[in-house]
Amino acid sequence: VLEWIACSLDGGNKNVVADMLKIDVQDIQSLQRVLQKTRW
């Protein structure tokens, strides 16, 4: 699910998710980088 959020949603939808989770959208982008670097 986290992979879907970080890697499949577009920027606008990531903003919606970040607002819902009360986090910064950069946190989602950081998650995407971690997933990519660990080859997940």
Full PDB file with SEQRES, HELIX, SHEET, SSBOND, CRYST1, ORIGX, SCALE, CONECT and MASTER records, all heavy atoms in Angstrom:
SEQRES   1 A   40  VAL LEU GLU TRP ILE ALA CYS SER LEU ASP GLY GLY ASN          
SEQRES   2 A   40  LYS ASN VAL VAL ALA ASP MET LEU LYS ILE ASP VAL GLN          
SEQRES   3 A   40  ASP ILE GLN SER LEU GLN ARG VAL LEU GLN LYS THR ARG          
SEQRES   4 A   40  TRP                                                          
HELIX    1 AA1 LEU A    2  SER A    8  1                                   7    
HELIX    2 AA2 GLY A   11  LEU A   21  1                                  11    
HELIX    3 AA3 VAL A   25  LYS A   37  1                                  13    
CRYST1    1.000    1.000    1.000  90.00  90.00  90.00 P 1           1          
ORIGX1      1.000000  0.000000  0.000000        0.00000                         
ORIGX2      0.000000  1.000000  0.000000        0.00000                         
ORIGX3      0.000000  0.000000  1.000000        0.00000                         
SCALE1      1.000000  0.000000  0.000000        0.00000                         
SCALE2      0.000000  1.000000  0.000000        0.00000                         
SCALE3      0.000000  0.000000  1.000000        0.00000                         
ATOM      1  N   VAL A   1       0.840  -1.198   0.000  1.00  0.00           N  
ATOM      2  CA  VAL A   1       0.000   0.000   0.000  1.00  0.00           C  
ATOM      3  C   VAL A   1       0.873   1.246   0.000  1.00  0.00           C  
ATOM      4  O   VAL A   1       0.631   2.200  -0.749  1.00  0.00           O  
ATOM      5  CB  VAL A   1      -0.976  -0.007   1.199  1.00  0.00           C  
ATOM      6  CG1 VAL A   1      -1.703   1.324   1.314  1.00  0.00           C  
ATOM      7  CG2 VAL A   1      -1.966  -1.148   1.064  1.00  0.00           C  
ATOM      8  N   LEU A   2       1.917   1.246   0.824  1.00  0.00           N  
ATOM      9  CA  LEU A   2       2.836   2.384   0.851  1.00  0.00           C  
ATOM     10  C   LEU A   2       3.523   2.566  -0.502  1.00  0.00           C  
ATOM     11  O   LEU A   2       3.721   3.691  -0.956  1.00  0.00           O  
ATOM     12  CB  LEU A   2       3.870   2.205   1.964  1.00  0.00           C  
ATOM     13  CG  LEU A   2       3.325   2.337   3.382  1.00  0.00           C  
ATOM     14  CD1 LEU A   2       4.378   1.898   4.390  1.00  0.00           C  
ATOM     15  CD2 LEU A   2       2.847   3.750   3.665  1.00  0.00           C  
ATOM     16  N   GLU A   3       3.870   1.463  -1.139  1.00  0.00           N  
ATOM     17  CA  GLU A   3       4.469   1.530  -2.469  1.00  0.00           C  
ATOM     18  C   GLU A   3       3.506   2.176  -3.457  1.00  0.00           C  
ATOM     19  O   GLU A   3       3.890   3.030  -4.257  1.00  0.00           O  
ATOM     20  CB  GLU A   3       4.836   0.131  -2.943  1.00  0.00           C  
ATOM     21  CG  GLU A   3       5.371   0.086  -4.356  1.00  0.00           C  
ATOM     22  CD  GLU A   3       5.512  -1.325  -4.890  1.00  0.00           C  
ATOM     23  OE1 GLU A   3       5.373  -2.285  -4.127  1.00  0.00           O  
ATOM     24  OE2 GLU A   3       5.750  -1.441  -6.101  1.00  0.00           O  
ATOM     25  N   TRP A   4       2.242   1.792  -3.399  1.00  0.00           N  
ATOM     26  CA  TRP A   4       1.227   2.373  -4.288  1.00  0.00           C  
ATOM     27  C   TRP A   4       1.120   3.876  -4.056  1.00  0.00           C  
ATOM     28  O   TRP A   4       1.106   4.659  -5.011  1.00  0.00           O  
ATOM     29  CB  TRP A   4      -0.115   1.683  -4.064  1.00  0.00           C  
ATOM     30  CG  TRP A   4      -1.278   2.387  -4.695  1.00  0.00           C  
ATOM     31  CD1 TRP A   4      -1.508   2.549  -6.031  1.00  0.00           C  
ATOM     32  CD2 TRP A   4      -2.353   3.032  -4.025  1.00  0.00           C  
ATOM     33  NE1 TRP A   4      -2.675   3.251  -6.224  1.00  0.00           N  
ATOM     34  CE2 TRP A   4      -3.207   3.560  -5.009  1.00  0.00           C  
ATOM     35  CE3 TRP A   4      -2.677   3.205  -2.683  1.00  0.00           C  
ATOM     36  CZ2 TRP A   4      -4.366   4.256  -4.694  1.00  0.00           C  
ATOM     37  CZ3 TRP A   4      -3.840   3.894  -2.372  1.00  0.00           C  
ATOM     38  CH2 TRP A   4      -4.664   4.412  -3.371  1.00  0.00           C  
ATOM     39  N   ILE A   5       1.073   4.274  -2.792  1.00  0.00           N  
ATOM     40  CA  ILE A   5       0.964   5.694  -2.469  1.00  0.00           C  
ATOM     41  C   ILE A   5       2.177   6.451  -2.993  1.00  0.00           C  
ATOM     42  O   ILE A   5       2.053   7.485  -3.650  1.00  0.00           O  
ATOM     43  CB  ILE A   5       0.816   5.897  -0.940  1.00  0.00           C  
ATOM     44  CG1 ILE A   5      -0.528   5.360  -0.464  1.00  0.00           C  
ATOM     45  CG2 ILE A   5       0.986   7.372  -0.572  1.00  0.00           C  
ATOM     46  CD1 ILE A   5      -0.650   5.250   1.045  1.00  0.00           C  
ATOM     47  N   ALA A   6       3.371   5.941  -2.703  1.00  0.00           N  
ATOM     48  CA  ALA A   6       4.601   6.660  -3.024  1.00  0.00           C  
ATOM     49  C   ALA A   6       4.936   6.641  -4.513  1.00  0.00           C  
ATOM     50  O   ALA A   6       5.469   7.619  -5.037  1.00  0.00           O  
ATOM     51  CB  ALA A   6       5.762   6.071  -2.226  1.00  0.00           C  
ATOM     52  N   CYS A   7       4.627   5.546  -5.180  1.00  0.00           N  
ATOM     53  CA  CYS A   7       5.129   5.370  -6.547  1.00  0.00           C  
ATOM     54  C   CYS A   7       4.067   5.449  -7.640  1.00  0.00           C  
ATOM     55  O   CYS A   7       4.413   5.618  -8.810  1.00  0.00           O  
ATOM     56  CB  CYS A   7       5.873   4.041  -6.645  1.00  0.00           C  
ATOM     57  SG  CYS A   7       7.250   3.916  -5.489  1.00  0.00           S  
ATOM     58  N   SER A   8       2.810   5.324  -7.293  1.00  0.00           N  
ATOM     59  CA  SER A   8       1.782   5.278  -8.333  1.00  0.00           C  
ATOM     60  C   SER A   8       0.890   6.514  -8.378  1.00  0.00           C  
ATOM     61  O   SER A   8       0.347   6.839  -9.436  1.00  0.00           O  
ATOM     62  CB  SER A   8       0.907   4.031  -8.162  1.00  0.00           C  
ATOM     63  OG  SER A   8       1.685   2.876  -8.339  1.00  0.00           O  
ATOM     64  N   LEU A   9       0.711   7.165  -7.256  1.00  0.00           N  
ATOM     65  CA  LEU A   9      -0.166   8.338  -7.251  1.00  0.00           C  
ATOM     66  C   LEU A   9       0.552   9.537  -7.854  1.00  0.00           C  
ATOM     67  O   LEU A   9       1.760   9.700  -7.691  1.00  0.00           O  
ATOM     68  CB  LEU A   9      -0.609   8.665  -5.822  1.00  0.00           C  
ATOM     69  CG  LEU A   9      -1.501   7.646  -5.133  1.00  0.00           C  
ATOM     70  CD1 LEU A   9      -1.841   8.119  -3.720  1.00  0.00           C  
ATOM     71  CD2 LEU A   9      -2.770   7.394  -5.922  1.00  0.00           C  
ATOM     72  N   ASP A  10      -0.218  10.394  -8.535  1.00  0.00           N  
ATOM     73  CA  ASP A  10       0.381  11.611  -9.078  1.00  0.00           C  
ATOM     74  C   ASP A  10       0.521  12.659  -7.969  1.00  0.00           C  
ATOM     75  O   ASP A  10       0.072  12.456  -6.835  1.00  0.00           O  
ATOM     76  CB  ASP A  10      -0.430  12.137 -10.262  1.00  0.00           C  
ATOM     77  CG  ASP A  10      -1.834  12.591  -9.888  1.00  0.00           C  
ATOM     78  OD1 ASP A  10      -2.108  12.851  -8.696  1.00  0.00           O  
ATOM     79  OD2 ASP A  10      -2.675  12.695 -10.797  1.00  0.00           O  
ATOM     80  N   GLY A  11       1.145  13.768  -8.303  1.00  0.00           N  
ATOM     81  CA  GLY A  11       1.451  14.805  -7.315  1.00  0.00           C  
ATOM     82  C   GLY A  11       0.246  15.340  -6.574  1.00  0.00           C  
ATOM     83  O   GLY A  11       0.273  15.514  -5.354  1.00  0.00           O  
ATOM     84  N   GLY A  12      -0.837  15.596  -7.296  1.00  0.00           N  
ATOM     85  CA  GLY A  12      -2.041  16.119  -6.654  1.00  0.00           C  
ATOM     86  C   GLY A  12      -2.641  15.137  -5.666  1.00  0.00           C  
ATOM     87  O   GLY A  12      -3.068  15.517  -4.567  1.00  0.00           O  
ATOM     88  N   ASN A  13      -2.662  13.874  -6.040  1.00  0.00           N  
ATOM     89  CA  ASN A  13      -3.210  12.854  -5.145  1.00  0.00           C  
ATOM     90  C   ASN A  13      -2.287  12.594  -3.960  1.00  0.00           C  
ATOM     91  O   ASN A  13      -2.751  12.294  -2.863  1.00  0.00           O  
ATOM     92  CB  ASN A  13      -3.497  11.567  -5.916  1.00  0.00           C  
ATOM     93  CG  ASN A  13      -4.681  11.722  -6.841  1.00  0.00           C  
ATOM     94  OD1 ASN A  13      -5.593  12.501  -6.575  1.00  0.00           O  
ATOM     95  ND2 ASN A  13      -4.675  11.004  -7.938  1.00  0.00           N  
ATOM     96  N   LYS A  14      -0.969  12.729  -4.176  1.00  0.00           N  
ATOM     97  CA  LYS A  14      -0.032  12.623  -3.052  1.00  0.00           C  
ATOM     98  C   LYS A  14      -0.286  13.744  -2.050  1.00  0.00           C  
ATOM     99  O   LYS A  14      -0.185  13.541  -0.837  1.00  0.00           O  
ATOM    100  CB  LYS A  14       1.411  12.647  -3.535  1.00  0.00           C  
ATOM    101  CG  LYS A  14       1.857  11.347  -4.175  1.00  0.00           C  
ATOM    102  CD  LYS A  14       3.305  11.424  -4.616  1.00  0.00           C  
ATOM    103  CE  LYS A  14       3.683  10.147  -5.349  1.00  0.00           C  
ATOM    104  NZ  LYS A  14       5.044  10.214  -5.900  1.00  0.00           N  
ATOM    105  N   ASN A  15      -0.621  14.930  -2.560  1.00  0.00           N  
ATOM    106  CA  ASN A  15      -0.949  16.048  -1.663  1.00  0.00           C  
ATOM    107  C   ASN A  15      -2.183  15.745  -0.830  1.00  0.00           C  
ATOM    108  O   ASN A  15      -2.234  16.054   0.361  1.00  0.00           O  
ATOM    109  CB  ASN A  15      -1.152  17.347  -2.456  1.00  0.00           C  
ATOM    110  CG  ASN A  15       0.143  17.924  -2.962  1.00  0.00           C  
ATOM    111  OD1 ASN A  15       1.190  17.774  -2.343  1.00  0.00           O  
ATOM    112  ND2 ASN A  15       0.080  18.592  -4.097  1.00  0.00           N  
ATOM    113  N   VAL A  16      -3.189  15.131  -1.463  1.00  0.00           N  
ATOM    114  CA  VAL A  16      -4.413  14.749  -0.748  1.00  0.00           C  
ATOM    115  C   VAL A  16      -4.071  13.756   0.362  1.00  0.00           C  
ATOM    116  O   VAL A  16      -4.530  13.891   1.503  1.00  0.00           O  
ATOM    117  CB  VAL A  16      -5.460  14.138  -1.720  1.00  0.00           C  
ATOM    118  CG1 VAL A  16      -6.622  13.512  -0.960  1.00  0.00           C  
ATOM    119  CG2 VAL A  16      -5.949  15.189  -2.702  1.00  0.00           C  
ATOM    120  N   VAL A  17      -3.236  12.771   0.036  1.00  0.00           N  
ATOM    121  CA  VAL A  17      -2.841  11.756   1.018  1.00  0.00           C  
ATOM    122  C   VAL A  17      -2.033  12.398   2.144  1.00  0.00           C  
ATOM    123  O   VAL A  17      -2.268  12.116   3.322  1.00  0.00           O  
ATOM    124  CB  VAL A  17      -2.041  10.613   0.349  1.00  0.00           C  
ATOM    125  CG1 VAL A  17      -1.475   9.656   1.385  1.00  0.00           C  
ATOM    126  CG2 VAL A  17      -2.926   9.869  -0.631  1.00  0.00           C  
ATOM    127  N   ALA A  18      -1.102  13.266   1.796  1.00  0.00           N  
ATOM    128  CA  ALA A  18      -0.285  13.933   2.817  1.00  0.00           C  
ATOM    129  C   ALA A  18      -1.169  14.748   3.760  1.00  0.00           C  
ATOM    130  O   ALA A  18      -0.984  14.705   4.988  1.00  0.00           O  
ATOM    131  CB  ALA A  18       0.760  14.820   2.154  1.00  0.00           C  
ATOM    132  N   ASP A  19      -2.125  15.475   3.206  1.00  0.00           N  
ATOM    133  CA  ASP A  19      -3.053  16.248   4.048  1.00  0.00           C  
ATOM    134  C   ASP A  19      -3.855  15.331   4.960  1.00  0.00           C  
ATOM    135  O   ASP A  19      -4.029  15.618   6.145  1.00  0.00           O  
ATOM    136  CB  ASP A  19      -4.013  17.082   3.185  1.00  0.00           C  
ATOM    137  CG  ASP A  19      -3.326  18.245   2.501  1.00  0.00           C  
ATOM    138  OD1 ASP A  19      -2.190  18.594   2.892  1.00  0.00           O  
ATOM    139  OD2 ASP A  19      -3.920  18.790   1.541  1.00  0.00           O  
ATOM    140  N   MET A  20      -4.323  14.211   4.414  1.00  0.00           N  
ATOM    141  CA  MET A  20      -5.118  13.280   5.203  1.00  0.00           C  
ATOM    142  C   MET A  20      -4.305  12.693   6.347  1.00  0.00           C  
ATOM    143  O   MET A  20      -4.790  12.542   7.455  1.00  0.00           O  
ATOM    144  CB  MET A  20      -5.651  12.160   4.296  1.00  0.00           C  
ATOM    145  CG  MET A  20      -6.639  11.225   4.946  1.00  0.00           C  
ATOM    146  SD  MET A  20      -6.169   9.505   5.273  1.00  0.00           S  
ATOM    147  CE  MET A  20      -4.883   9.050   4.220  1.00  0.00           C  
ATOM    148  N   LEU A  21      -3.029  12.377   6.068  1.00  0.00           N  
ATOM    149  CA  LEU A  21      -2.160  11.785   7.085  1.00  0.00           C  
ATOM    150  C   LEU A  21      -1.507  12.826   7.989  1.00  0.00           C  
ATOM    151  O   LEU A  21      -0.813  12.473   8.939  1.00  0.00           O  
ATOM    152  CB  LEU A  21      -1.055  10.958   6.405  1.00  0.00           C  
ATOM    153  CG  LEU A  21      -1.519   9.722   5.642  1.00  0.00           C  
ATOM    154  CD1 LEU A  21      -0.355   9.103   4.891  1.00  0.00           C  
ATOM    155  CD2 LEU A  21      -2.142   8.718   6.596  1.00  0.00           C  
ATOM    156  N   LYS A  22      -1.716  14.105   7.641  1.00  0.00           N  
ATOM    157  CA  LYS A  22      -1.118  15.222   8.391  1.00  0.00           C  
ATOM    158  C   LYS A  22       0.409  15.118   8.396  1.00  0.00           C  
ATOM    159  O   LYS A  22       1.065  15.257   9.430  1.00  0.00           O  
ATOM    160  CB  LYS A  22      -1.677  15.297   9.809  1.00  0.00           C  
ATOM    161  CG  LYS A  22      -3.167  15.587   9.842  1.00  0.00           C  
ATOM    162  CD  LYS A  22      -3.679  15.644  11.261  1.00  0.00           C  
ATOM    163  CE  LYS A  22      -5.097  16.078  11.337  1.00  0.00           C  
ATOM    164  NZ  LYS A  22      -6.118  15.245  10.872  1.00  0.00           N  
ATOM    165  N   ILE A  23       0.938  14.840   7.191  1.00  0.00           N  
ATOM    166  CA  ILE A  23       2.382  14.806   6.996  1.00  0.00           C  
ATOM    167  C   ILE A  23       2.727  15.715   5.831  1.00  0.00           C  
ATOM    168  O   ILE A  23       1.845  16.161   5.090  1.00  0.00           O  
ATOM    169  CB  ILE A  23       2.911  13.377   6.714  1.00  0.00           C  
ATOM    170  CG1 ILE A  23       2.301  12.805   5.425  1.00  0.00           C  
ATOM    171  CG2 ILE A  23       2.644  12.453   7.903  1.00  0.00           C  
ATOM    172  CD1 ILE A  23       2.909  11.485   4.972  1.00  0.00           C  
ATOM    173  N   ASP A  24       4.005  15.965   5.648  1.00  0.00           N  
ATOM    174  CA  ASP A  24       4.479  16.767   4.539  1.00  0.00           C  
ATOM    175  C   ASP A  24       4.584  15.883   3.300  1.00  0.00           C  
ATOM    176  O   ASP A  24       4.991  14.719   3.398  1.00  0.00           O  
ATOM    177  CB  ASP A  24       5.854  17.351   4.898  1.00  0.00           C  
ATOM    178  CG  ASP A  24       6.157  18.620   4.153  1.00  0.00           C  
ATOM    179  OD1 ASP A  24       5.208  19.341   3.794  1.00  0.00           O  
ATOM    180  OD2 ASP A  24       7.349  18.892   3.927  1.00  0.00           O  
ATOM    181  N   VAL A  25       4.240  16.399   2.142  1.00  0.00           N  
ATOM    182  CA  VAL A  25       4.303  15.602   0.920  1.00  0.00           C  
ATOM    183  C   VAL A  25       5.739  15.139   0.657  1.00  0.00           C  
ATOM    184  O   VAL A  25       5.954  14.085   0.045  1.00  0.00           O  
ATOM    185  CB  VAL A  25       3.694  16.358  -0.283  1.00  0.00           C  
ATOM    186  CG1 VAL A  25       4.603  17.472  -0.770  1.00  0.00           C  
ATOM    187  CG2 VAL A  25       3.350  15.402  -1.410  1.00  0.00           C  
ATOM    188  N   GLN A  26       6.728  15.871   1.148  1.00  0.00           N  
ATOM    189  CA  GLN A  26       8.119  15.447   0.981  1.00  0.00           C  
ATOM    190  C   GLN A  26       8.394  14.123   1.689  1.00  0.00           C  
ATOM    191  O   GLN A  26       9.276  13.363   1.289  1.00  0.00           O  
ATOM    192  CB  GLN A  26       9.098  16.527   1.493  1.00  0.00           C  
ATOM    193  CG  GLN A  26       9.258  17.701   0.553  1.00  0.00           C  
ATOM    194  CD  GLN A  26       8.123  18.721   0.688  1.00  0.00           C  
ATOM    195  OE1 GLN A  26       7.380  18.724   1.665  1.00  0.00           O  
ATOM    196  NE2 GLN A  26       7.985  19.578  -0.301  1.00  0.00           N  
ATOM    197  N   ASP A  27       7.622  13.819   2.742  1.00  0.00           N  
ATOM    198  CA  ASP A  27       7.772  12.529   3.419  1.00  0.00           C  
ATOM    199  C   ASP A  27       7.400  11.383   2.484  1.00  0.00           C  
ATOM    200  O   ASP A  27       8.038  10.325   2.502  1.00  0.00           O  
ATOM    201  CB  ASP A  27       6.914  12.469   4.683  1.00  0.00           C  
ATOM    202  CG  ASP A  27       7.363  13.455   5.750  1.00  0.00           C  
ATOM    203  OD1 ASP A  27       8.552  13.849   5.733  1.00  0.00           O  
ATOM    204  OD2 ASP A  27       6.532  13.839   6.581  1.00  0.00           O  
ATOM    205  N   ILE A  28       6.380  11.595   1.674  1.00  0.00           N  
ATOM    206  CA  ILE A  28       5.976  10.576   0.707  1.00  0.00           C  
ATOM    207  C   ILE A  28       7.050  10.434  -0.371  1.00  0.00           C  
ATOM    208  O   ILE A  28       7.387   9.319  -0.781  1.00  0.00           O  
ATOM    209  CB  ILE A  28       4.600  10.899   0.091  1.00  0.00           C  
ATOM    210  CG1 ILE A  28       3.515  10.866   1.177  1.00  0.00           C  
ATOM    211  CG2 ILE A  28       4.265   9.933  -1.049  1.00  0.00           C  
ATOM    212  CD1 ILE A  28       2.151  11.306   0.716  1.00  0.00           C  
ATOM    213  N   GLN A  29       7.617  11.557  -0.791  1.00  0.00           N  
ATOM    214  CA  GLN A  29       8.690  11.506  -1.782  1.00  0.00           C  
ATOM    215  C   GLN A  29       9.931  10.814  -1.212  1.00  0.00           C  
ATOM    216  O   GLN A  29      10.609  10.062  -1.922  1.00  0.00           O  
ATOM    217  CB  GLN A  29       9.008  12.922  -2.268  1.00  0.00           C  
ATOM    218  CG  GLN A  29       7.850  13.527  -3.050  1.00  0.00           C  
ATOM    219  CD  GLN A  29       7.960  15.030  -3.223  1.00  0.00           C  
ATOM    220  OE1 GLN A  29       8.734  15.699  -2.540  1.00  0.00           O  
ATOM    221  NE2 GLN A  29       7.166  15.568  -4.140  1.00  0.00           N  
ATOM    222  N   SER A  30      10.206  11.032   0.074  1.00  0.00           N  
ATOM    223  CA  SER A  30      11.326  10.341   0.722  1.00  0.00           C  
ATOM    224  C   SER A  30      11.079   8.838   0.751  1.00  0.00           C  
ATOM    225  O   SER A  30      11.997   8.042   0.516  1.00  0.00           O  
ATOM    226  CB  SER A  30      11.524  10.858   2.146  1.00  0.00           C  
ATOM    227  OG  SER A  30      11.886  12.216   2.132  1.00  0.00           O  
ATOM    228  N   LEU A  31       9.854   8.452   1.045  1.00  0.00           N  
ATOM    229  CA  LEU A  31       9.498   7.033   1.040  1.00  0.00           C  
ATOM    230  C   LEU A  31       9.727   6.432  -0.338  1.00  0.00           C  
ATOM    231  O   LEU A  31      10.269   5.328  -0.469  1.00  0.00           O  
ATOM    232  CB  LEU A  31       8.039   6.844   1.469  1.00  0.00           C  
ATOM    233  CG  LEU A  31       7.476   5.432   1.340  1.00  0.00           C  
ATOM    234  CD1 LEU A  31       8.225   4.465   2.251  1.00  0.00           C  
ATOM    235  CD2 LEU A  31       5.988   5.431   1.650  1.00  0.00           C  
ATOM    236  N   GLN A  32       9.352   7.160  -1.372  1.00  0.00           N  
ATOM    237  CA  GLN A  32       9.550   6.678  -2.734  1.00  0.00           C  
ATOM    238  C   GLN A  32      11.042   6.447  -3.004  1.00  0.00           C  
ATOM    239  O   GLN A  32      11.423   5.416  -3.561  1.00  0.00           O  
ATOM    240  CB  GLN A  32       8.983   7.668  -3.746  1.00  0.00           C  
ATOM    241  CG  GLN A  32       9.113   7.206  -5.184  1.00  0.00           C  
ATOM    242  CD  GLN A  32       8.488   8.181  -6.160  1.00  0.00           C  
ATOM    243  OE1 GLN A  32       8.048   9.273  -5.797  1.00  0.00           O  
ATOM    244  NE2 GLN A  32       8.451   7.801  -7.413  1.00  0.00           N  
ATOM    245  N   ARG A  33      11.896   7.375  -2.583  1.00  0.00           N  
ATOM    246  CA  ARG A  33      13.339   7.212  -2.786  1.00  0.00           C  
ATOM    247  C   ARG A  33      13.868   6.004  -2.032  1.00  0.00           C  
ATOM    248  O   ARG A  33      14.684   5.235  -2.547  1.00  0.00           O  
ATOM    249  CB  ARG A  33      14.087   8.483  -2.357  1.00  0.00           C  
ATOM    250  CG  ARG A  33      13.942   9.623  -3.356  1.00  0.00           C  
ATOM    251  CD  ARG A  33      14.902  10.755  -3.062  1.00  0.00           C  
ATOM    252  NE  ARG A  33      14.712  11.348  -1.743  1.00  0.00           N  
ATOM    253  CZ  ARG A  33      13.808  12.278  -1.461  1.00  0.00           C  
ATOM    254  NH1 ARG A  33      13.013  12.728  -2.412  1.00  0.00           N  
ATOM    255  NH2 ARG A  33      13.702  12.776  -0.243  1.00  0.00           N  
ATOM    256  N   VAL A  34      13.397   5.800  -0.806  1.00  0.00           N  
ATOM    257  CA  VAL A  34      13.837   4.642  -0.022  1.00  0.00           C  
ATOM    258  C   VAL A  34      13.433   3.348  -0.713  1.00  0.00           C  
ATOM    259  O   VAL A  34      14.230   2.415  -0.836  1.00  0.00           O  
ATOM    260  CB  VAL A  34      13.267   4.696   1.420  1.00  0.00           C  
ATOM    261  CG1 VAL A  34      13.472   3.383   2.141  1.00  0.00           C  
ATOM    262  CG2 VAL A  34      13.890   5.849   2.192  1.00  0.00           C  
ATOM    263  N   LEU A  35      12.191   3.277  -1.167  1.00  0.00           N  
ATOM    264  CA  LEU A  35      11.714   2.075  -1.846  1.00  0.00           C  
ATOM    265  C   LEU A  35      12.519   1.804  -3.116  1.00  0.00           C  
ATOM    266  O   LEU A  35      12.849   0.656  -3.416  1.00  0.00           O  
ATOM    267  CB  LEU A  35      10.221   2.196  -2.168  1.00  0.00           C  
ATOM    268  CG  LEU A  35       9.279   2.173  -0.969  1.00  0.00           C  
ATOM    269  CD1 LEU A  35       7.867   2.540  -1.407  1.00  0.00           C  
ATOM    270  CD2 LEU A  35       9.300   0.823  -0.288  1.00  0.00           C  
ATOM    271  N   GLN A  36      12.845   2.857  -3.850  1.00  0.00           N  
ATOM    272  CA  GLN A  36      13.619   2.685  -5.077  1.00  0.00           C  
ATOM    273  C   GLN A  36      15.049   2.244  -4.772  1.00  0.00           C  
ATOM    274  O   GLN A  36      15.602   1.393  -5.449  1.00  0.00           O  
ATOM    275  CB  GLN A  36      13.616   3.967  -5.898  1.00  0.00           C  
ATOM    276  CG  GLN A  36      12.267   4.237  -6.535  1.00  0.00           C  
ATOM    277  CD  GLN A  36      12.155   5.602  -7.168  1.00  0.00           C  
ATOM    278  OE1 GLN A  36      12.889   6.538  -6.819  1.00  0.00           O  
ATOM    279  NE2 GLN A  36      11.218   5.744  -8.093  1.00  0.00           N  
ATOM    280  N   LYS A  37      15.661   2.816  -3.735  1.00  0.00           N  
ATOM    281  CA  LYS A  37      17.050   2.470  -3.396  1.00  0.00           C  
ATOM    282  C   LYS A  37      17.166   1.059  -2.830  1.00  0.00           C  
ATOM    283  O   LYS A  37      18.203   0.429  -2.958  1.00  0.00           O  
ATOM    284  CB  LYS A  37      17.636   3.482  -2.428  1.00  0.00           C  
ATOM    285  CG  LYS A  37      17.922   4.807  -3.084  1.00  0.00           C  
ATOM    286  CD  LYS A  37      18.635   5.743  -2.160  1.00  0.00           C  
ATOM    287  CE  LYS A  37      18.746   7.088  -2.806  1.00  0.00           C  
ATOM    288  NZ  LYS A  37      20.049   7.404  -3.302  1.00  0.00           N  
ATOM    289  N   THR A  38      16.109   0.587  -2.207  1.00  0.00           N  
ATOM    290  CA  THR A  38      16.157  -0.779  -1.673  1.00  0.00           C  
ATOM    291  C   THR A  38      15.655  -1.778  -2.707  1.00  0.00           C  
ATOM    292  O   THR A  38      15.485  -2.947  -2.400  1.00  0.00           O  
ATOM    293  CB  THR A  38      15.315  -0.893  -0.388  1.00  0.00           C  
ATOM    294  OG1 THR A  38      13.966  -0.508  -0.673  1.00  0.00           O  
ATOM    295  CG2 THR A  38      15.878  -0.031   0.718  1.00  0.00           C  
ATOM    296  N   ARG A  39      15.405  -1.265  -3.890  1.00  0.00           N  
ATOM    297  CA  ARG A  39      14.960  -2.078  -5.032  1.00  0.00           C  
ATOM    298  C   ARG A  39      13.627  -2.778  -4.762  1.00  0.00           C  
ATOM    299  O   ARG A  39      13.365  -3.836  -5.295  1.00  0.00           O  
ATOM    300  CB  ARG A  39      16.017  -3.062  -5.459  1.00  0.00           C  
ATOM    301  CG  ARG A  39      17.295  -2.397  -5.886  1.00  0.00           C  
ATOM    302  CD  ARG A  39      18.226  -3.390  -6.544  1.00  0.00           C  
ATOM    303  NE  ARG A  39      19.529  -2.820  -6.750  1.00  0.00           N  
ATOM    304  CZ  ARG A  39      19.882  -2.084  -7.800  1.00  0.00           C  
ATOM    305  NH1 ARG A  39      18.993  -1.796  -8.715  1.00  0.00           N  
ATOM    306  NH2 ARG A  39      21.092  -1.629  -7.914  1.00  0.00           N  
ATOM    307  N   TRP A  40      12.828  -2.203  -3.878  1.00  0.00           N  
ATOM    308  CA  TRP A  40      11.496  -2.757  -3.647  1.00  0.00           C  
ATOM    309  C   TRP A  40      10.622  -2.532  -4.869  1.00  0.00           C  
ATOM    310  O   TRP A  40       9.784  -3.345  -5.214  1.00  0.00           O  
ATOM    311  CB  TRP A  40      10.871  -2.144  -2.391  1.00  0.00           C  
ATOM    312  CG  TRP A  40       9.496  -2.660  -2.156  1.00  0.00           C  
ATOM    313  CD1 TRP A  40       8.322  -2.043  -2.427  1.00  0.00           C  
ATOM    314  CD2 TRP A  40       9.131  -3.933  -1.620  1.00  0.00           C  
ATOM    315  NE1 TRP A  40       7.255  -2.820  -2.107  1.00  0.00           N  
ATOM    316  CE2 TRP A  40       7.721  -3.994  -1.607  1.00  0.00           C  
ATOM    317  CE3 TRP A  40       9.845  -5.026  -1.160  1.00  0.00           C  
ATOM    318  CZ2 TRP A  40       7.027  -5.111  -1.135  1.00  0.00           C  
ATOM    319  CZ3 TRP A  40       9.140  -6.126  -0.700  1.00  0.00           C  
ATOM    320  CH2 TRP A  40       7.757  -6.156  -0.691  1.00  0.00           C  
TER     321      TRP A  40                                                      
MASTER        0    0    0    3    0    0    0    6  320    1    0    4          
END                                                                             
